[in-house]
N, C-alpha and C. Protein backbone atom coordinates (compact mmCIF):
# COMPACT_ATOMS: atom_id res chain seq x y z
N MET A 1 1.23 -8.38 0.78
CA MET A 1 -0.06 -8.75 0.29
C MET A 1 -0.93 -9.37 1.31
N LEU A 2 -0.29 -10.21 2.14
CA LEU A 2 -1.02 -10.78 3.20
C LEU A 2 -1.51 -9.78 4.25
N THR A 3 -0.69 -8.77 4.54
CA THR A 3 -1.12 -7.71 5.43
C THR A 3 -2.33 -6.96 4.92
N ALA A 4 -2.21 -6.61 3.64
CA ALA A 4 -3.41 -5.87 3.04
C ALA A 4 -4.57 -6.73 3.03
N LEU A 5 -4.50 -8.03 2.74
CA LEU A 5 -5.63 -8.90 2.74
C LEU A 5 -6.24 -9.03 4.14
N ALA A 6 -5.46 -9.11 5.17
CA ALA A 6 -5.86 -9.19 6.50
C ALA A 6 -6.66 -7.93 6.92
N ALA A 7 -6.14 -6.80 6.50
CA ALA A 7 -6.77 -5.57 6.81
C ALA A 7 -8.11 -5.39 6.04
N VAL A 8 -8.17 -5.82 4.79
CA VAL A 8 -9.46 -5.82 4.04
C VAL A 8 -10.45 -6.74 4.73
N ILE A 9 -10.05 -7.91 5.13
CA ILE A 9 -11.01 -8.86 5.83
C ILE A 9 -11.45 -8.21 7.12
N GLY A 10 -10.59 -7.56 7.86
CA GLY A 10 -10.97 -6.93 9.09
C GLY A 10 -11.89 -5.70 8.87
N ALA A 11 -11.68 -5.00 7.81
CA ALA A 11 -12.57 -3.84 7.43
C ALA A 11 -13.88 -4.36 6.99
N ALA A 12 -13.95 -5.53 6.38
CA ALA A 12 -15.22 -6.03 5.93
C ALA A 12 -16.26 -6.25 7.04
N PHE A 13 -15.74 -6.51 8.21
CA PHE A 13 -16.62 -6.73 9.39
C PHE A 13 -17.30 -5.38 9.82
N ILE A 14 -16.64 -4.26 9.63
CA ILE A 14 -17.26 -3.00 10.01
C ILE A 14 -18.06 -2.27 8.89
N LEU A 15 -18.23 -2.98 7.78
CA LEU A 15 -19.01 -2.37 6.73
C LEU A 15 -20.48 -2.29 7.12
N ALA A 16 -20.97 -3.11 8.00
CA ALA A 16 -22.34 -3.13 8.41
C ALA A 16 -22.63 -1.98 9.42
N ASP A 17 -21.68 -1.44 10.04
CA ASP A 17 -21.82 -0.39 11.08
C ASP A 17 -22.01 0.94 10.36
N PRO A 18 -23.06 1.67 10.61
CA PRO A 18 -23.36 2.94 9.87
C PRO A 18 -22.33 4.01 10.25
N ILE A 19 -21.77 3.95 11.40
CA ILE A 19 -20.86 5.01 11.76
C ILE A 19 -19.49 4.89 11.11
N PHE A 20 -19.01 3.67 11.08
CA PHE A 20 -17.64 3.35 10.52
C PHE A 20 -17.72 2.82 9.06
N GLN A 21 -18.87 2.93 8.41
CA GLN A 21 -18.97 2.34 7.09
C GLN A 21 -18.06 3.17 6.09
N GLY A 22 -18.05 4.45 6.21
CA GLY A 22 -17.22 5.25 5.28
C GLY A 22 -15.77 4.95 5.45
N LEU A 23 -15.36 4.80 6.70
CA LEU A 23 -13.97 4.48 6.95
C LEU A 23 -13.61 3.10 6.35
N ALA A 24 -14.52 2.12 6.51
CA ALA A 24 -14.27 0.77 5.96
C ALA A 24 -14.20 0.79 4.47
N ILE A 25 -15.07 1.49 3.80
CA ILE A 25 -15.08 1.61 2.35
C ILE A 25 -13.77 2.22 1.83
N SER A 26 -13.35 3.36 2.41
CA SER A 26 -12.13 3.98 1.98
C SER A 26 -10.91 3.15 2.27
N MET A 27 -10.95 2.38 3.37
CA MET A 27 -9.87 1.56 3.76
C MET A 27 -9.68 0.33 2.79
N VAL A 28 -10.90 -0.25 2.42
CA VAL A 28 -10.82 -1.46 1.47
C VAL A 28 -10.38 -1.04 0.10
N PHE A 29 -10.90 0.06 -0.43
CA PHE A 29 -10.49 0.47 -1.75
C PHE A 29 -9.06 1.08 -1.77
N GLY A 30 -8.67 1.70 -0.71
CA GLY A 30 -7.31 2.25 -0.65
C GLY A 30 -6.27 1.12 -0.57
N LEU A 31 -6.55 0.13 0.24
CA LEU A 31 -5.63 -1.01 0.32
C LEU A 31 -5.61 -1.81 -1.02
N ALA A 32 -6.78 -2.01 -1.59
CA ALA A 32 -6.79 -2.73 -2.91
C ALA A 32 -6.09 -1.97 -4.02
N SER A 33 -6.25 -0.73 -4.07
CA SER A 33 -5.62 0.06 -5.16
C SER A 33 -4.07 0.18 -4.90
N SER A 34 -3.66 0.30 -3.68
CA SER A 34 -2.26 0.45 -3.44
C SER A 34 -1.56 -0.92 -3.60
N THR A 35 -2.25 -2.01 -3.31
CA THR A 35 -1.71 -3.32 -3.53
C THR A 35 -1.55 -3.60 -5.05
N ALA A 36 -2.55 -3.23 -5.77
CA ALA A 36 -2.51 -3.40 -7.26
C ALA A 36 -1.43 -2.59 -7.86
N LEU A 37 -1.21 -1.32 -7.38
CA LEU A 37 -0.19 -0.48 -7.95
C LEU A 37 1.18 -1.07 -7.60
N THR A 38 1.36 -1.52 -6.38
CA THR A 38 2.67 -2.00 -5.94
C THR A 38 3.02 -3.33 -6.66
N LEU A 39 2.04 -4.21 -6.85
CA LEU A 39 2.34 -5.52 -7.39
C LEU A 39 2.26 -5.57 -8.94
N LEU A 40 1.51 -4.74 -9.53
CA LEU A 40 1.25 -4.88 -10.99
C LEU A 40 1.78 -3.67 -11.79
N VAL A 41 1.34 -2.51 -11.39
CA VAL A 41 1.62 -1.34 -12.27
C VAL A 41 3.05 -0.80 -12.17
N ILE A 42 3.62 -0.74 -11.02
CA ILE A 42 4.95 -0.25 -10.83
C ILE A 42 5.97 -1.21 -11.50
N PRO A 43 5.95 -2.53 -11.29
CA PRO A 43 6.82 -3.39 -12.05
C PRO A 43 6.65 -3.38 -13.58
N ALA A 44 5.38 -3.21 -13.99
CA ALA A 44 5.14 -3.13 -15.50
C ALA A 44 5.77 -1.88 -15.99
N LEU A 45 5.62 -0.81 -15.30
CA LEU A 45 6.23 0.50 -15.77
C LEU A 45 7.76 0.37 -15.84
N TYR A 46 8.30 -0.31 -14.77
CA TYR A 46 9.75 -0.49 -14.76
C TYR A 46 10.21 -1.34 -15.96
N VAL A 47 9.56 -2.39 -16.25
CA VAL A 47 9.90 -3.23 -17.38
C VAL A 47 9.74 -2.45 -18.67
N TRP A 48 8.71 -1.73 -18.79
CA TRP A 48 8.50 -0.96 -19.99
C TRP A 48 9.55 0.10 -20.26
N ARG A 49 9.95 0.79 -19.16
CA ARG A 49 10.99 1.83 -19.28
C ARG A 49 12.41 1.25 -19.47
N ARG A 50 12.57 0.06 -18.90
CA ARG A 50 13.94 -0.58 -18.93
C ARG A 50 14.11 -1.44 -20.23
N ASP A 51 13.07 -1.71 -20.97
CA ASP A 51 13.17 -2.54 -22.10
C ASP A 51 14.08 -1.99 -23.14
N ASP A 52 15.16 -2.70 -23.43
CA ASP A 52 16.13 -2.26 -24.44
C ASP A 52 16.20 -3.33 -25.55
N GLY A 53 15.30 -4.21 -25.62
CA GLY A 53 15.25 -5.20 -26.70
C GLY A 53 16.05 -6.49 -26.36
N ARG A 54 16.74 -6.53 -25.27
CA ARG A 54 17.48 -7.69 -24.91
C ARG A 54 16.63 -8.63 -24.10
N GLY A 55 16.80 -9.94 -24.16
CA GLY A 55 16.14 -10.86 -23.33
C GLY A 55 16.81 -10.90 -21.96
N PHE A 56 16.33 -11.82 -21.13
CA PHE A 56 16.94 -11.90 -19.79
C PHE A 56 18.21 -12.67 -19.84
N GLY A 57 18.47 -13.58 -20.73
CA GLY A 57 19.66 -14.40 -20.74
C GLY A 57 20.76 -13.87 -21.59
N THR A 58 20.56 -12.82 -22.31
CA THR A 58 21.63 -12.37 -23.26
C THR A 58 22.51 -11.30 -22.53
N LYS A 59 23.73 -11.27 -22.97
CA LYS A 59 24.75 -10.30 -22.42
C LYS A 59 25.09 -9.34 -23.57
N GLY A 60 25.49 -8.20 -23.13
CA GLY A 60 26.02 -7.30 -24.13
C GLY A 60 25.26 -6.10 -24.14
């Protein structure tokens, strides 16, 4: 997450440049969406698919 944040901050500086603005926009949104997928969506799908009604502390 820190690497993606550093890349987004670095890309924010080239948003003002008309030549590299498209690259910066695609880089910022690509990093933001991939980070959100990795940290939120994929674990949520895993828990949803793995849910068998048992809690974390129960055995059996």
